[in-house]
Amino acid sequence: MRTAAPMAILAGASMASAQTFNTIYSQTFNGSSSTALSGTSPTVNNSGSAANWTLNNASADSSWHADGSVALSPSGNSESLQLAFTPVAGNVYKLQTSFVCTGVQSGTGFGSWMGAGFGSSLTSAASGTGDYAFGNGISGVAWMFEGPPADGGNYAIFGGPGTANKVPWNNGLLAGAYAGNNYAGGGSGAVLTYDVTLDTTGPQWVASYYLGGAQGTSLGFVGSTTYATAPTIAAVGFTKQAPDSGMINSFSLSVEATPEPSTLSLGLLGGVSFLLGARRFRKA
């Protein structure tokens, strides 16, 4: 009987501290393949500010469509399509998306890919590339790419900025022709599910990566990046190098909710009340 009261207090505190994630952005890709996604608002926007999907620069092709399809870029430019986002220290954020890179324009050779993650800037220079790896003003942070089957279907994750801090694979989950170089070769153009948890609550920010769909795997932890200094993040979204095509299936960004002080107090009060009741019961 002596252990009941402490357990009740812990239970009350646990219920009070249970965390949920609140949506900042989400996109439902149920529009038309003839409608450009750039310039439109996300399906859900709880950021507190107006936001539109934004191409890295005005000269970029509108190859990103409202049904999630990504067309080959006629100009061959590398691009990013993003929403404005700047993390605030003291929060935990979660990016969740799924996509597949399906094709590459003939003659462009190895090295084409499509990816998702955070960007250091919403836009790039007036011309030139605008992808997360060689961004001309945009560098990827906590991002990943997948190449098309013609390129071996390779995929990799980078802490950033750009291609710095490549994440070693958890070889129990992923393996392949490129695994020794921290790449993995799928070869099948699998639909990848990519989740990133960005924890900014400590003195060093930590990005944790979860990947599913590669080589038939379910979603699992594949690695993390601990940043000595907080990275520059001003956007979140998608990126591609060279004229790749693909399909985006889902996208959402959320933040872990902080319990109200009154909620925490109520949970502790419940535990204390249980303790007093148990003591009175023993005396009776």
C-alpha atoms as a PDB file:
ATOM      1  CA  MET A   1       0.000   0.000   0.000  1.00  0.00           C
ATOM      2  CA  ARG A   2       2.901   2.352   0.602  1.00  0.00           C
ATOM      3  CA  THR A   3       3.779   2.409  -3.116  1.00  0.00           C
ATOM      4  CA  ALA A   4       0.302   3.400  -4.292  1.00  0.00           C
ATOM      5  CA  ALA A   5       0.618   7.092  -3.498  1.00  0.00           C
ATOM      6  CA  PRO A   6       3.928   7.715  -5.280  1.00  0.00           C
ATOM      7  CA  MET A   7       2.638   5.756  -8.255  1.00  0.00           C
ATOM      8  CA  ALA A   8      -0.498   7.895  -8.330  1.00  0.00           C
ATOM      9  CA  ILE A   9       1.546  11.076  -8.281  1.00  0.00           C
ATOM     10  CA  LEU A  10       3.715   9.799 -11.123  1.00  0.00           C
ATOM     11  CA  ALA A  11       0.622   8.831 -13.091  1.00  0.00           C
ATOM     12  CA  GLY A  12      -0.879  12.258 -12.618  1.00  0.00           C
ATOM     13  CA  ALA A  13       2.329  13.975 -13.649  1.00  0.00           C
ATOM     14  CA  SER A  14       2.656  11.650 -16.648  1.00  0.00           C
ATOM     15  CA  MET A  15      -0.843  12.457 -17.866  1.00  0.00           C
ATOM     16  CA  ALA A  16      -0.183  16.149 -17.361  1.00  0.00           C
ATOM     17  CA  SER A  17       3.069  16.033 -19.347  1.00  0.00           C
ATOM     18  CA  ALA A  18       1.786  13.881 -22.239  1.00  0.00           C
ATOM     19  CA  GLN A  19       2.741  15.667 -25.440  1.00  0.00           C
ATOM     20  CA  THR A  20       0.898  16.097 -28.705  1.00  0.00           C
ATOM     21  CA  PHE A  21       1.974  17.716 -31.967  1.00  0.00           C
ATOM     22  CA  ASN A  22       0.103  20.657 -33.470  1.00  0.00           C
ATOM     23  CA  THR A  23       0.132  21.132 -37.239  1.00  0.00           C
ATOM     24  CA  ILE A  24       1.966  24.164 -38.612  1.00  0.00           C
ATOM     25  CA  TYR A  25       1.622  23.264 -42.300  1.00  0.00           C
ATOM     26  CA  SER A  26       0.148  20.362 -44.222  1.00  0.00           C
ATOM     27  CA  GLN A  27      -0.573  19.778 -47.893  1.00  0.00           C
ATOM     28  CA  THR A  28      -3.161  17.504 -49.471  1.00  0.00           C
ATOM     29  CA  PHE A  29      -2.137  16.724 -53.033  1.00  0.00           C
ATOM     30  CA  ASN A  30      -5.586  16.345 -54.548  1.00  0.00           C
ATOM     31  CA  GLY A  31      -5.464  19.171 -57.071  1.00  0.00           C
ATOM     32  CA  SER A  32      -4.971  19.145 -60.814  1.00  0.00           C
ATOM     33  CA  SER A  33      -1.857  18.054 -62.652  1.00  0.00           C
ATOM     34  CA  SER A  34      -2.239  21.193 -64.766  1.00  0.00           C
ATOM     35  CA  THR A  35      -2.209  23.539 -61.736  1.00  0.00           C
ATOM     36  CA  ALA A  36       1.149  24.812 -60.485  1.00  0.00           C
ATOM     37  CA  LEU A  37       1.701  24.391 -56.761  1.00  0.00           C
ATOM     38  CA  SER A  38       3.964  27.438 -56.595  1.00  0.00           C
ATOM     39  CA  GLY A  39       2.135  30.581 -55.535  1.00  0.00           C
ATOM     40  CA  THR A  40      -0.626  28.656 -53.730  1.00  0.00           C
ATOM     41  CA  SER A  41      -1.235  28.389 -49.993  1.00  0.00           C
ATOM     42  CA  PRO A  42      -0.774  25.054 -48.221  1.00  0.00           C
ATOM     43  CA  THR A  43      -3.948  23.122 -47.412  1.00  0.00           C
ATOM     44  CA  VAL A  44      -3.464  23.886 -43.706  1.00  0.00           C
ATOM     45  CA  ASN A  45      -1.535  26.913 -42.461  1.00  0.00           C
ATOM     46  CA  ASN A  46      -1.400  27.450 -38.708  1.00  0.00           C
ATOM     47  CA  SER A  47       1.902  29.324 -38.798  1.00  0.00           C
ATOM     48  CA  GLY A  48       0.277  32.630 -37.879  1.00  0.00           C
ATOM     49  CA  SER A  49       1.446  34.279 -41.106  1.00  0.00           C
ATOM     50  CA  ALA A  50       0.427  34.154 -44.752  1.00  0.00           C
ATOM     51  CA  ALA A  51       2.502  31.594 -46.645  1.00  0.00           C
ATOM     52  CA  ASN A  52       2.661  30.333 -50.221  1.00  0.00           C
ATOM     53  CA  TRP A  53       4.665  27.571 -51.852  1.00  0.00           C
ATOM     54  CA  THR A  54       7.639  29.450 -53.299  1.00  0.00           C
ATOM     55  CA  LEU A  55      10.077  28.539 -56.069  1.00  0.00           C
ATOM     56  CA  ASN A  56      13.722  29.287 -55.386  1.00  0.00           C
ATOM     57  CA  ASN A  57      13.716  32.029 -58.021  1.00  0.00           C
ATOM     58  CA  ALA A  58      11.460  33.528 -60.650  1.00  0.00           C
ATOM     59  CA  SER A  59      13.311  31.832 -63.497  1.00  0.00           C
ATOM     60  CA  ALA A  60      12.673  28.348 -62.100  1.00  0.00           C
ATOM     61  CA  ASP A  61      10.239  26.082 -63.936  1.00  0.00           C
ATOM     62  CA  SER A  62       6.762  25.498 -62.534  1.00  0.00           C
ATOM     63  CA  SER A  63       7.234  21.740 -62.676  1.00  0.00           C
ATOM     64  CA  TRP A  64       5.633  21.116 -59.249  1.00  0.00           C
ATOM     65  CA  HIS A  65       1.896  20.453 -59.521  1.00  0.00           C
ATOM     66  CA  ALA A  66      -1.123  20.467 -57.212  1.00  0.00           C
ATOM     67  CA  ASP A  67      -1.702  16.720 -57.582  1.00  0.00           C
ATOM     68  CA  GLY A  68       1.805  16.075 -56.241  1.00  0.00           C
ATOM     69  CA  SER A  69       3.332  15.273 -59.616  1.00  0.00           C
ATOM     70  CA  VAL A  70       6.734  16.730 -60.421  1.00  0.00           C
ATOM     71  CA  ALA A  71       7.467  17.076 -64.114  1.00  0.00           C
ATOM     72  CA  LEU A  72      10.793  17.067 -65.922  1.00  0.00           C
ATOM     73  CA  SER A  73      12.239  20.579 -65.946  1.00  0.00           C
ATOM     74  CA  PRO A  74      12.448  21.837 -69.537  1.00  0.00           C
ATOM     75  CA  SER A  75      15.343  24.151 -68.681  1.00  0.00           C
ATOM     76  CA  GLY A  76      17.295  21.531 -66.743  1.00  0.00           C
ATOM     77  CA  ASN A  77      17.571  23.902 -63.774  1.00  0.00           C
ATOM     78  CA  SER A  78      17.867  22.594 -60.248  1.00  0.00           C
ATOM     79  CA  GLU A  79      15.032  23.835 -58.060  1.00  0.00           C
ATOM     80  CA  SER A  80      13.455  24.035 -54.627  1.00  0.00           C
ATOM     81  CA  LEU A  81       9.795  24.552 -53.732  1.00  0.00           C
ATOM     82  CA  GLN A  82       9.374  25.662 -50.132  1.00  0.00           C
ATOM     83  CA  LEU A  83       7.302  27.328 -47.429  1.00  0.00           C
ATOM     84  CA  ALA A  84       8.730  29.965 -45.107  1.00  0.00           C
ATOM     85  CA  PHE A  85       9.668  28.496 -41.726  1.00  0.00           C
ATOM     86  CA  THR A  86      12.077  29.530 -38.975  1.00  0.00           C
ATOM     87  CA  PRO A  87      12.319  27.270 -35.918  1.00  0.00           C
ATOM     88  CA  VAL A  88      12.202  28.836 -32.462  1.00  0.00           C
ATOM     89  CA  ALA A  89      14.591  27.487 -29.846  1.00  0.00           C
ATOM     90  CA  GLY A  90      12.896  25.521 -27.084  1.00  0.00           C
ATOM     91  CA  ASN A  91      10.567  23.531 -29.345  1.00  0.00           C
ATOM     92  CA  VAL A  92      10.462  20.108 -30.970  1.00  0.00           C
ATOM     93  CA  TYR A  93       9.408  20.026 -34.633  1.00  0.00           C
ATOM     94  CA  LYS A  94       8.434  17.106 -36.824  1.00  0.00           C
ATOM     95  CA  LEU A  95       8.602  17.034 -40.618  1.00  0.00           C
ATOM     96  CA  GLN A  96       6.767  14.140 -42.281  1.00  0.00           C
ATOM     97  CA  THR A  97       6.665  13.500 -46.010  1.00  0.00           C
ATOM     98  CA  SER A  98       6.591  10.732 -48.592  1.00  0.00           C
ATOM     99  CA  PHE A  99       7.688  10.960 -52.221  1.00  0.00           C
ATOM    100  CA  VAL A 100       9.316   9.058 -55.047  1.00  0.00           C
ATOM    101  CA  CYS A 101      11.778  10.073 -57.759  1.00  0.00           C
ATOM    102  CA  THR A 102      10.695   8.299 -60.924  1.00  0.00           C
ATOM    103  CA  GLY A 103      12.635   9.562 -63.906  1.00  0.00           C
ATOM    104  CA  VAL A 104      15.383  11.671 -65.348  1.00  0.00           C
ATOM    105  CA  GLN A 105      15.677  13.419 -68.684  1.00  0.00           C
ATOM    106  CA  SER A 106      17.737  11.425 -71.163  1.00  0.00           C
ATOM    107  CA  GLY A 107      21.370  12.429 -71.391  1.00  0.00           C
ATOM    108  CA  THR A 108      21.655  14.141 -67.993  1.00  0.00           C
ATOM    109  CA  GLY A 109      23.656  11.281 -66.505  1.00  0.00           C
ATOM    110  CA  PHE A 110      24.303  10.167 -62.946  1.00  0.00           C
ATOM    111  CA  GLY A 111      23.634  12.491 -60.033  1.00  0.00           C
ATOM    112  CA  SER A 112      20.003  13.490 -60.517  1.00  0.00           C
ATOM    113  CA  TRP A 113      17.697  13.291 -57.516  1.00  0.00           C
ATOM    114  CA  MET A 114      14.649  14.611 -55.681  1.00  0.00           C
ATOM    115  CA  GLY A 115      14.583  15.413 -51.973  1.00  0.00           C
ATOM    116  CA  ALA A 116      12.918  17.007 -48.943  1.00  0.00           C
ATOM    117  CA  GLY A 117      13.952  18.774 -45.750  1.00  0.00           C
ATOM    118  CA  PHE A 118      14.728  22.238 -44.432  1.00  0.00           C
ATOM    119  CA  GLY A 119      16.374  25.079 -46.373  1.00  0.00           C
ATOM    120  CA  SER A 120      18.660  27.868 -45.211  1.00  0.00           C
ATOM    121  CA  SER A 121      16.793  30.362 -47.390  1.00  0.00           C
ATOM    122  CA  LEU A 122      13.394  30.570 -49.053  1.00  0.00           C
ATOM    123  CA  THR A 123      14.822  31.834 -52.348  1.00  0.00           C
ATOM    124  CA  SER A 124      18.144  31.658 -54.156  1.00  0.00           C
ATOM    125  CA  ALA A 125      19.984  34.010 -56.469  1.00  0.00           C
ATOM    126  CA  ALA A 126      18.200  35.444 -59.503  1.00  0.00           C
ATOM    127  CA  SER A 127      19.476  32.673 -61.737  1.00  0.00           C
ATOM    128  CA  GLY A 128      21.288  29.356 -61.551  1.00  0.00           C
ATOM    129  CA  THR A 129      20.695  26.383 -59.330  1.00  0.00           C
ATOM    130  CA  GLY A 130      18.451  26.365 -56.306  1.00  0.00           C
ATOM    131  CA  ASP A 131      18.666  22.884 -54.828  1.00  0.00           C
ATOM    132  CA  TYR A 132      19.699  21.873 -51.301  1.00  0.00           C
ATOM    133  CA  ALA A 133      23.091  20.500 -52.335  1.00  0.00           C
ATOM    134  CA  PHE A 134      24.464  23.231 -54.628  1.00  0.00           C
ATOM    135  CA  GLY A 135      21.906  25.877 -53.857  1.00  0.00           C
ATOM    136  CA  ASN A 136      23.328  29.242 -54.986  1.00  0.00           C
ATOM    137  CA  GLY A 137      22.017  30.746 -51.742  1.00  0.00           C
ATOM    138  CA  ILE A 138      20.022  27.765 -50.449  1.00  0.00           C
ATOM    139  CA  SER A 139      21.639  25.021 -48.378  1.00  0.00           C
ATOM    140  CA  GLY A 140      19.759  21.960 -47.190  1.00  0.00           C
ATOM    141  CA  VAL A 141      19.532  21.192 -43.470  1.00  0.00           C
ATOM    142  CA  ALA A 142      18.379  17.800 -42.134  1.00  0.00           C
ATOM    143  CA  TRP A 143      17.409  16.708 -45.643  1.00  0.00           C
ATOM    144  CA  MET A 144      17.460  13.619 -47.831  1.00  0.00           C
ATOM    145  CA  PHE A 145      17.374  12.735 -51.511  1.00  0.00           C
ATOM    146  CA  GLU A 146      16.344   9.805 -53.673  1.00  0.00           C
ATOM    147  CA  GLY A 147      17.688   9.205 -57.167  1.00  0.00           C
ATOM    148  CA  PRO A 148      15.659   7.663 -60.018  1.00  0.00           C
ATOM    149  CA  PRO A 149      15.928   3.959 -60.893  1.00  0.00           C
ATOM    150  CA  ALA A 150      18.069   4.886 -63.909  1.00  0.00           C
ATOM    151  CA  ASP A 151      20.672   6.201 -61.465  1.00  0.00           C
ATOM    152  CA  GLY A 152      20.484   3.139 -59.237  1.00  0.00           C
ATOM    153  CA  GLY A 153      17.748   4.490 -56.974  1.00  0.00           C
ATOM    154  CA  ASN A 154      20.345   5.682 -54.466  1.00  0.00           C
ATOM    155  CA  TYR A 155      19.373   7.738 -51.441  1.00  0.00           C
ATOM    156  CA  ALA A 156      21.188   9.570 -48.666  1.00  0.00           C
ATOM    157  CA  ILE A 157      20.569  11.856 -45.691  1.00  0.00           C
ATOM    158  CA  PHE A 158      22.591  14.962 -44.810  1.00  0.00           C
ATOM    159  CA  GLY A 159      22.638  17.035 -41.635  1.00  0.00           C
ATOM    160  CA  GLY A 160      23.887  19.935 -43.722  1.00  0.00           C
ATOM    161  CA  PRO A 161      24.523  22.608 -44.550  1.00  0.00           C
ATOM    162  CA  GLY A 162      24.353  21.261 -48.077  1.00  0.00           C
ATOM    163  CA  THR A 163      26.102  17.909 -48.400  1.00  0.00           C
ATOM    164  CA  ALA A 164      28.048  18.287 -45.135  1.00  0.00           C
ATOM    165  CA  ASN A 165      27.441  15.890 -42.238  1.00  0.00           C
ATOM    166  CA  LYS A 166      26.293  12.923 -44.287  1.00  0.00           C
ATOM    167  CA  VAL A 167      24.461  10.542 -41.973  1.00  0.00           C
ATOM    168  CA  PRO A 168      25.933   7.021 -41.656  1.00  0.00           C
ATOM    169  CA  TRP A 169      23.331   4.365 -42.312  1.00  0.00           C
ATOM    170  CA  ASN A 170      22.042   2.063 -39.639  1.00  0.00           C
ATOM    171  CA  ASN A 171      23.179  -1.025 -41.547  1.00  0.00           C
ATOM    172  CA  GLY A 172      20.660  -3.192 -39.745  1.00  0.00           C
ATOM    173  CA  LEU A 173      17.951  -1.306 -41.614  1.00  0.00           C
ATOM    174  CA  LEU A 174      19.531  -0.300 -44.908  1.00  0.00           C
ATOM    175  CA  ALA A 175      22.159  -1.851 -47.112  1.00  0.00           C
ATOM    176  CA  GLY A 176      23.113  -1.774 -50.748  1.00  0.00           C
ATOM    177  CA  ALA A 177      25.712  -0.958 -53.328  1.00  0.00           C
ATOM    178  CA  TYR A 178      26.311   2.504 -51.886  1.00  0.00           C
ATOM    179  CA  ALA A 179      26.037   1.668 -48.183  1.00  0.00           C
ATOM    180  CA  GLY A 180      29.802   1.767 -47.670  1.00  0.00           C
ATOM    181  CA  ASN A 181      29.774   5.419 -48.705  1.00  0.00           C
ATOM    182  CA  ASN A 182      26.750   6.230 -46.562  1.00  0.00           C
ATOM    183  CA  TYR A 183      24.473   5.861 -49.555  1.00  0.00           C
ATOM    184  CA  ALA A 184      22.041   3.031 -50.050  1.00  0.00           C
ATOM    185  CA  GLY A 185      21.011   1.638 -53.404  1.00  0.00           C
ATOM    186  CA  GLY A 186      17.367   0.713 -53.828  1.00  0.00           C
ATOM    187  CA  GLY A 187      17.181   0.495 -57.590  1.00  0.00           C
ATOM    188  CA  SER A 188      13.399   0.247 -57.696  1.00  0.00           C
ATOM    189  CA  GLY A 189      12.250   3.841 -57.326  1.00  0.00           C
ATOM    190  CA  ALA A 190      10.519   3.064 -54.027  1.00  0.00           C
ATOM    191  CA  VAL A 191       8.110   5.512 -52.410  1.00  0.00           C
ATOM    192  CA  LEU A 192      10.088   6.763 -49.424  1.00  0.00           C
ATOM    193  CA  THR A 193       8.597   7.941 -46.152  1.00  0.00           C
ATOM    194  CA  TYR A 194      10.931  10.459 -44.542  1.00  0.00           C
ATOM    195  CA  ASP A 195      10.402  11.839 -41.031  1.00  0.00           C
ATOM    196  CA  VAL A 196      12.671  14.309 -39.251  1.00  0.00           C
ATOM    197  CA  THR A 197      12.391  15.335 -35.616  1.00  0.00           C
ATOM    198  CA  LEU A 198      14.213  18.615 -34.968  1.00  0.00           C
ATOM    199  CA  ASP A 199      14.767  19.106 -31.233  1.00  0.00           C
ATOM    200  CA  THR A 200      15.759  22.673 -30.343  1.00  0.00           C
ATOM    201  CA  THR A 201      15.209  22.363 -26.586  1.00  0.00           C
ATOM    202  CA  GLY A 202      18.854  21.820 -25.607  1.00  0.00           C
ATOM    203  CA  PRO A 203      22.036  23.871 -25.995  1.00  0.00           C
ATOM    204  CA  GLN A 204      22.794  21.776 -29.105  1.00  0.00           C
ATOM    205  CA  TRP A 205      20.022  21.153 -31.622  1.00  0.00           C
ATOM    206  CA  VAL A 206      19.497  17.546 -32.676  1.00  0.00           C
ATOM    207  CA  ALA A 207      17.897  16.223 -35.875  1.00  0.00           C
ATOM    208  CA  SER A 208      16.764  12.584 -35.810  1.00  0.00           C
ATOM    209  CA  TYR A 209      15.942  10.781 -39.054  1.00  0.00           C
ATOM    210  CA  TYR A 210      13.420   8.040 -39.773  1.00  0.00           C
ATOM    211  CA  LEU A 211      13.093   6.360 -43.159  1.00  0.00           C
ATOM    212  CA  GLY A 212      10.655   3.820 -44.545  1.00  0.00           C
ATOM    213  CA  GLY A 213       9.921   2.242 -47.923  1.00  0.00           C
ATOM    214  CA  ALA A 214      13.558   1.819 -48.892  1.00  0.00           C
ATOM    215  CA  GLN A 215      14.216  -1.805 -49.810  1.00  0.00           C
ATOM    216  CA  GLY A 216      10.774  -2.680 -48.461  1.00  0.00           C
ATOM    217  CA  THR A 217      11.468  -1.492 -44.909  1.00  0.00           C
ATOM    218  CA  SER A 218       8.936  -0.012 -42.521  1.00  0.00           C
ATOM    219  CA  LEU A 219       9.622   3.361 -40.918  1.00  0.00           C
ATOM    220  CA  GLY A 220      12.671   3.130 -38.679  1.00  0.00           C
ATOM    221  CA  PHE A 221      15.405   5.242 -37.107  1.00  0.00           C
ATOM    222  CA  VAL A 222      18.486   5.610 -39.334  1.00  0.00           C
ATOM    223  CA  GLY A 223      20.610   8.236 -37.609  1.00  0.00           C
ATOM    224  CA  SER A 224      20.898  11.727 -36.166  1.00  0.00           C
ATOM    225  CA  THR A 225      22.876  14.955 -36.346  1.00  0.00           C
ATOM    226  CA  THR A 226      23.923  17.017 -33.325  1.00  0.00           C
ATOM    227  CA  TYR A 227      24.729  20.597 -34.298  1.00  0.00           C
ATOM    228  CA  ALA A 228      27.550  22.377 -32.455  1.00  0.00           C
ATOM    229  CA  THR A 229      25.822  25.632 -33.373  1.00  0.00           C
ATOM    230  CA  ALA A 230      22.220  26.065 -34.420  1.00  0.00           C
ATOM    231  CA  PRO A 231      21.893  25.770 -38.220  1.00  0.00           C
ATOM    232  CA  THR A 232      20.317  28.523 -40.282  1.00  0.00           C
ATOM    233  CA  ILE A 233      16.799  27.460 -41.295  1.00  0.00           C
ATOM    234  CA  ALA A 234      14.357  29.748 -43.086  1.00  0.00           C
ATOM    235  CA  ALA A 235      12.227  27.311 -45.116  1.00  0.00           C
ATOM    236  CA  VAL A 236      10.906  23.771 -45.400  1.00  0.00           C
ATOM    237  CA  GLY A 237       9.876  21.803 -48.454  1.00  0.00           C
ATOM    238  CA  PHE A 238      11.163  19.959 -51.504  1.00  0.00           C
ATOM    239  CA  THR A 239      14.155  20.119 -53.802  1.00  0.00           C
ATOM    240  CA  LYS A 240      15.514  18.476 -56.919  1.00  0.00           C
ATOM    241  CA  GLN A 241      18.769  18.445 -58.824  1.00  0.00           C
ATOM    242  CA  ALA A 242      18.655  18.551 -62.618  1.00  0.00           C
ATOM    243  CA  PRO A 243      15.487  17.738 -64.594  1.00  0.00           C
ATOM    244  CA  ASP A 244      14.093  14.914 -62.481  1.00  0.00           C
ATOM    245  CA  SER A 245      10.442  13.896 -62.245  1.00  0.00           C
ATOM    246  CA  GLY A 246       8.554  12.269 -59.404  1.00  0.00           C
ATOM    247  CA  MET A 247       5.490  12.254 -57.179  1.00  0.00           C
ATOM    248  CA  ILE A 248       4.851  13.746 -53.733  1.00  0.00           C
ATOM    249  CA  ASN A 249       2.288  11.866 -51.669  1.00  0.00           C
ATOM    250  CA  SER A 250       2.236  13.732 -48.359  1.00  0.00           C
ATOM    251  CA  PHE A 251       3.713  16.666 -46.460  1.00  0.00           C
ATOM    252  CA  SER A 252       3.245  18.045 -42.957  1.00  0.00           C
ATOM    253  CA  LEU A 253       5.191  20.086 -40.427  1.00  0.00           C
ATOM    254  CA  SER A 254       4.150  20.149 -36.772  1.00  0.00           C
ATOM    255  CA  VAL A 255       5.386  21.365 -33.392  1.00  0.00           C
ATOM    256  CA  GLU A 256       5.155  19.609 -30.068  1.00  0.00           C
ATOM    257  CA  ALA A 257       2.543  21.272 -27.880  1.00  0.00           C
ATOM    258  CA  THR A 258       3.636  22.646 -24.520  1.00  0.00           C
ATOM    259  CA  PRO A 259       1.207  21.816 -21.692  1.00  0.00           C
ATOM    260  CA  GLU A 260      -0.424  24.813 -20.031  1.00  0.00           C
ATOM    261  CA  PRO A 261       0.725  25.432 -16.436  1.00  0.00           C
ATOM    262  CA  SER A 262      -2.874  24.957 -15.281  1.00  0.00           C
ATOM    263  CA  THR A 263      -2.965  21.514 -16.920  1.00  0.00           C
ATOM    264  CA  LEU A 264       0.258  20.491 -15.226  1.00  0.00           C
ATOM    265  CA  SER A 265      -1.038  21.748 -11.886  1.00  0.00           C
ATOM    266  CA  LEU A 266      -4.267  19.798 -12.263  1.00  0.00           C
ATOM    267  CA  GLY A 267      -2.331  16.605 -12.932  1.00  0.00           C
ATOM    268  CA  LEU A 268      -0.191  17.049  -9.833  1.00  0.00           C
ATOM    269  CA  LEU A 269      -3.247  18.029  -7.781  1.00  0.00           C
ATOM    270  CA  GLY A 270      -4.910  14.785  -8.851  1.00  0.00           C
ATOM    271  CA  GLY A 271      -1.939  12.799  -7.623  1.00  0.00           C
ATOM    272  CA  VAL A 272      -1.870  14.610  -4.283  1.00  0.00           C
ATOM    273  CA  SER A 273      -5.621  14.120  -3.830  1.00  0.00           C
ATOM    274  CA  PHE A 274      -5.207  10.404  -4.431  1.00  0.00           C
ATOM    275  CA  LEU A 275      -2.421  10.339  -1.838  1.00  0.00           C
ATOM    276  CA  LEU A 276      -4.566  12.025   0.816  1.00  0.00           C
ATOM    277  CA  GLY A 277      -7.469   9.701   0.067  1.00  0.00           C
ATOM    278  CA  ALA A 278      -5.247   6.654   0.396  1.00  0.00           C
ATOM    279  CA  ARG A 279      -3.928   7.857   3.759  1.00  0.00           C
ATOM    280  CA  ARG A 280      -7.413   8.411   5.089  1.00  0.00           C
ATOM    281  CA  PHE A 281      -8.417   4.941   3.892  1.00  0.00           C
ATOM    282  CA  ARG A 282      -5.509   3.351   5.779  1.00  0.00           C
ATOM    283  CA  LYS A 283      -6.388   5.230   8.992  1.00  0.00           C
ATOM    284  CA  ALA A 284      -9.999   4.048   8.734  1.00  0.00           C
END
